[in-house]
Amino acid sequence: QVCAQLCRRPCYCPWVPPHCPRGSPLVLDGCGCCKICARRLGEPCDFLHICDQSQGLICDYSAASAGTGATCNFEDGEEGCEVNGQVYRDGEVFQPSCKLQCRCLDGGFTCVPLCQEDIR
């Protein structure tokens, strides 16, 4: 739970919950008060703005001491990649479409075609 100074009681939340980008679920903020969009891989985070735990992300404060803020990262510190709002772990193979097979590698991804182009 977040420090009492950061969480106002009663809660003051917008009437309409935010519209989240694809792949970012609506979650309760760190105060357990208002609905917010969960932060995704590489996005800034803090006590209030929490990471998408359904994707295995945590708020990583290890870089914060280097002068940058905390960011969402995998719990074990491995690199991952985000494609079309979906987070993949390093080494994971995925198909973003029926025509491509891709592999997440060191924060980026490479793809190979699954079918030949029909040239006429």
C-alpha atoms as a PDB file:
ATOM      1  CA  GLN A   1       0.000   0.000   0.000  1.00  0.00           C
ATOM      2  CA  VAL A   2       1.184   3.502  -0.798  1.00  0.00           C
ATOM      3  CA  CYS A   3       2.221   5.986   1.874  1.00  0.00           C
ATOM      4  CA  ALA A   4      -0.717   7.853   3.387  1.00  0.00           C
ATOM      5  CA  GLN A   5       0.590  11.213   2.120  1.00  0.00           C
ATOM      6  CA  LEU A   6       0.159  10.107  -1.507  1.00  0.00           C
ATOM      7  CA  CYS A   7      -3.334   8.673  -1.141  1.00  0.00           C
ATOM      8  CA  ARG A   8      -6.165  11.101  -0.519  1.00  0.00           C
ATOM      9  CA  ARG A   9      -9.286   9.914   1.242  1.00  0.00           C
ATOM     10  CA  PRO A  10     -11.953  10.001   0.109  1.00  0.00           C
ATOM     11  CA  CYS A  11     -10.865   9.108  -3.414  1.00  0.00           C
ATOM     12  CA  TYR A  12     -11.241  11.718  -6.148  1.00  0.00           C
ATOM     13  CA  CYS A  13     -11.465   9.909  -9.479  1.00  0.00           C
ATOM     14  CA  PRO A  14     -12.672  11.010 -12.920  1.00  0.00           C
ATOM     15  CA  TRP A  15     -16.290  10.079 -13.669  1.00  0.00           C
ATOM     16  CA  VAL A  16     -15.299   8.327 -16.872  1.00  0.00           C
ATOM     17  CA  PRO A  17     -12.487   5.770 -16.626  1.00  0.00           C
ATOM     18  CA  PRO A  18      -9.593   6.362 -19.048  1.00  0.00           C
ATOM     19  CA  HIS A  19      -9.525   4.731 -22.478  1.00  0.00           C
ATOM     20  CA  CYS A  20      -6.442   2.515 -22.401  1.00  0.00           C
ATOM     21  CA  PRO A  21      -4.228   1.736 -25.391  1.00  0.00           C
ATOM     22  CA  ARG A  22      -4.472  -1.766 -26.815  1.00  0.00           C
ATOM     23  CA  GLY A  23      -2.783  -4.267 -24.526  1.00  0.00           C
ATOM     24  CA  SER A  24      -2.928  -2.042 -21.443  1.00  0.00           C
ATOM     25  CA  PRO A  25      -5.625  -3.198 -19.001  1.00  0.00           C
ATOM     26  CA  LEU A  26      -7.608  -0.974 -16.665  1.00  0.00           C
ATOM     27  CA  VAL A  27      -6.376  -1.512 -13.074  1.00  0.00           C
ATOM     28  CA  LEU A  28      -6.696   0.171  -9.690  1.00  0.00           C
ATOM     29  CA  ASP A  29      -3.970   2.713  -8.947  1.00  0.00           C
ATOM     30  CA  GLY A  30      -1.423   2.134  -6.173  1.00  0.00           C
ATOM     31  CA  CYS A  31      -3.816   3.643  -3.621  1.00  0.00           C
ATOM     32  CA  GLY A  32      -6.494   1.113  -4.557  1.00  0.00           C
ATOM     33  CA  CYS A  33      -8.645   4.096  -5.404  1.00  0.00           C
ATOM     34  CA  CYS A  34      -9.070   5.029  -9.077  1.00  0.00           C
ATOM     35  CA  LYS A  35      -9.023   3.039 -12.299  1.00  0.00           C
ATOM     36  CA  ILE A  36      -5.944   3.778 -14.429  1.00  0.00           C
ATOM     37  CA  CYS A  37      -4.270   2.211 -17.456  1.00  0.00           C
ATOM     38  CA  ALA A  38      -1.555  -0.219 -16.378  1.00  0.00           C
ATOM     39  CA  ARG A  39       1.915   0.831 -17.489  1.00  0.00           C
ATOM     40  CA  ARG A  40       3.590  -1.303 -20.155  1.00  0.00           C
ATOM     41  CA  LEU A  41       7.134  -2.553 -20.740  1.00  0.00           C
ATOM     42  CA  GLY A  42       9.630   0.325 -20.631  1.00  0.00           C
ATOM     43  CA  GLU A  43       7.083   2.930 -19.525  1.00  0.00           C
ATOM     44  CA  PRO A  44       7.706   5.104 -16.446  1.00  0.00           C
ATOM     45  CA  CYS A  45       6.091   3.942 -13.209  1.00  0.00           C
ATOM     46  CA  ASP A  46       5.880   4.840  -9.528  1.00  0.00           C
ATOM     47  CA  PHE A  47       3.839   4.011  -6.419  1.00  0.00           C
ATOM     48  CA  LEU A  48       0.629   5.330  -7.990  1.00  0.00           C
ATOM     49  CA  HIS A  49       1.138   4.382 -11.651  1.00  0.00           C
ATOM     50  CA  ILE A  50       1.570   0.629 -11.524  1.00  0.00           C
ATOM     51  CA  CYS A  51       2.856  -1.798 -14.145  1.00  0.00           C
ATOM     52  CA  ASP A  52       0.829  -4.485 -15.904  1.00  0.00           C
ATOM     53  CA  GLN A  53       1.233  -7.392 -13.503  1.00  0.00           C
ATOM     54  CA  SER A  54      -0.749  -9.672 -15.845  1.00  0.00           C
ATOM     55  CA  GLN A  55       2.270  -9.456 -18.203  1.00  0.00           C
ATOM     56  CA  GLY A  56       4.735 -10.200 -15.384  1.00  0.00           C
ATOM     57  CA  LEU A  57       5.937  -6.591 -15.130  1.00  0.00           C
ATOM     58  CA  ILE A  58       7.139  -4.809 -11.997  1.00  0.00           C
ATOM     59  CA  CYS A  59       8.222  -1.230 -11.331  1.00  0.00           C
ATOM     60  CA  ASP A  60      12.021  -1.477 -11.557  1.00  0.00           C
ATOM     61  CA  TYR A  61      13.745   1.180  -9.446  1.00  0.00           C
ATOM     62  CA  SER A  62      17.284  -0.064 -10.172  1.00  0.00           C
ATOM     63  CA  ALA A  63      17.836   2.594 -12.871  1.00  0.00           C
ATOM     64  CA  ALA A  64      16.287   5.338 -10.718  1.00  0.00           C
ATOM     65  CA  SER A  65      19.558   5.812  -8.829  1.00  0.00           C
ATOM     66  CA  ALA A  66      21.287   6.649 -12.133  1.00  0.00           C
ATOM     67  CA  GLY A  67      19.151   9.776 -12.446  1.00  0.00           C
ATOM     68  CA  THR A  68      16.328   8.287 -14.481  1.00  0.00           C
ATOM     69  CA  GLY A  69      12.967   7.332 -13.053  1.00  0.00           C
ATOM     70  CA  ALA A  70      11.702   3.822 -12.489  1.00  0.00           C
ATOM     71  CA  THR A  71      10.388   1.868 -15.480  1.00  0.00           C
ATOM     72  CA  CYS A  72       8.272  -1.234 -15.980  1.00  0.00           C
ATOM     73  CA  ASN A  73      10.390  -4.316 -16.542  1.00  0.00           C
ATOM     74  CA  PHE A  74      10.187  -8.071 -16.151  1.00  0.00           C
ATOM     75  CA  GLU A  75      10.706  -9.209 -12.579  1.00  0.00           C
ATOM     76  CA  ASP A  76      13.837 -11.193 -13.399  1.00  0.00           C
ATOM     77  CA  GLY A  77      15.360  -8.229 -15.285  1.00  0.00           C
ATOM     78  CA  GLU A  78      15.412  -9.919 -18.681  1.00  0.00           C
ATOM     79  CA  GLU A  79      14.823  -7.925 -21.837  1.00  0.00           C
ATOM     80  CA  GLY A  80      11.450  -8.177 -23.516  1.00  0.00           C
ATOM     81  CA  CYS A  81       9.699  -6.596 -26.444  1.00  0.00           C
ATOM     82  CA  GLU A  82       6.278  -5.151 -27.106  1.00  0.00           C
ATOM     83  CA  VAL A  83       4.487  -5.712 -30.414  1.00  0.00           C
ATOM     84  CA  ASN A  84       0.980  -4.385 -31.062  1.00  0.00           C
ATOM     85  CA  GLY A  85       0.393  -3.887 -27.343  1.00  0.00           C
ATOM     86  CA  GLN A  86       1.406  -7.451 -26.438  1.00  0.00           C
ATOM     87  CA  VAL A  87       4.526  -8.050 -24.316  1.00  0.00           C
ATOM     88  CA  TYR A  88       6.822 -10.988 -25.139  1.00  0.00           C
ATOM     89  CA  ARG A  89       9.707 -12.333 -23.067  1.00  0.00           C
ATOM     90  CA  ASP A  90      13.221 -12.608 -24.463  1.00  0.00           C
ATOM     91  CA  GLY A  91      13.474 -15.721 -26.650  1.00  0.00           C
ATOM     92  CA  GLU A  92       9.706 -16.106 -27.002  1.00  0.00           C
ATOM     93  CA  VAL A  93       8.380 -17.023 -30.470  1.00  0.00           C
ATOM     94  CA  PHE A  94       5.081 -15.483 -31.594  1.00  0.00           C
ATOM     95  CA  GLN A  95       2.922 -14.965 -34.690  1.00  0.00           C
ATOM     96  CA  PRO A  96       1.632 -11.389 -35.076  1.00  0.00           C
ATOM     97  CA  SER A  97      -0.195 -12.518 -38.234  1.00  0.00           C
ATOM     98  CA  CYS A  98      -0.777 -15.700 -40.215  1.00  0.00           C
ATOM     99  CA  LYS A  99       2.044 -14.666 -42.568  1.00  0.00           C
ATOM    100  CA  LEU A 100       4.846 -14.021 -40.042  1.00  0.00           C
ATOM    101  CA  GLN A 101       6.627 -15.859 -37.250  1.00  0.00           C
ATOM    102  CA  CYS A 102       8.750 -13.675 -34.974  1.00  0.00           C
ATOM    103  CA  ARG A 103      11.165 -14.079 -32.077  1.00  0.00           C
ATOM    104  CA  CYS A 104      11.739 -11.543 -29.319  1.00  0.00           C
ATOM    105  CA  LEU A 105      15.477 -11.041 -28.851  1.00  0.00           C
ATOM    106  CA  ASP A 106      17.328  -8.531 -26.643  1.00  0.00           C
ATOM    107  CA  GLY A 107      14.494  -5.995 -26.603  1.00  0.00           C
ATOM    108  CA  GLY A 108      13.835  -6.194 -30.364  1.00  0.00           C
ATOM    109  CA  PHE A 109      12.353  -8.798 -32.643  1.00  0.00           C
ATOM    110  CA  THR A 110      13.098 -10.563 -35.920  1.00  0.00           C
ATOM    111  CA  CYS A 111      10.520 -12.155 -38.214  1.00  0.00           C
ATOM    112  CA  VAL A 112      10.475 -14.695 -41.030  1.00  0.00           C
ATOM    113  CA  PRO A 113       7.665 -15.175 -43.565  1.00  0.00           C
ATOM    114  CA  LEU A 114       5.561 -18.319 -43.172  1.00  0.00           C
ATOM    115  CA  CYS A 115       4.286 -18.447 -46.727  1.00  0.00           C
ATOM    116  CA  GLN A 116       5.584 -17.651 -50.199  1.00  0.00           C
ATOM    117  CA  GLU A 117       4.312 -14.563 -51.962  1.00  0.00           C
ATOM    118  CA  ASP A 118       2.049 -15.533 -54.817  1.00  0.00           C
ATOM    119  CA  ILE A 119       3.578 -13.665 -57.776  1.00  0.00           C
ATOM    120  CA  ARG A 120       1.691 -13.703 -61.071  1.00  0.00           C
END
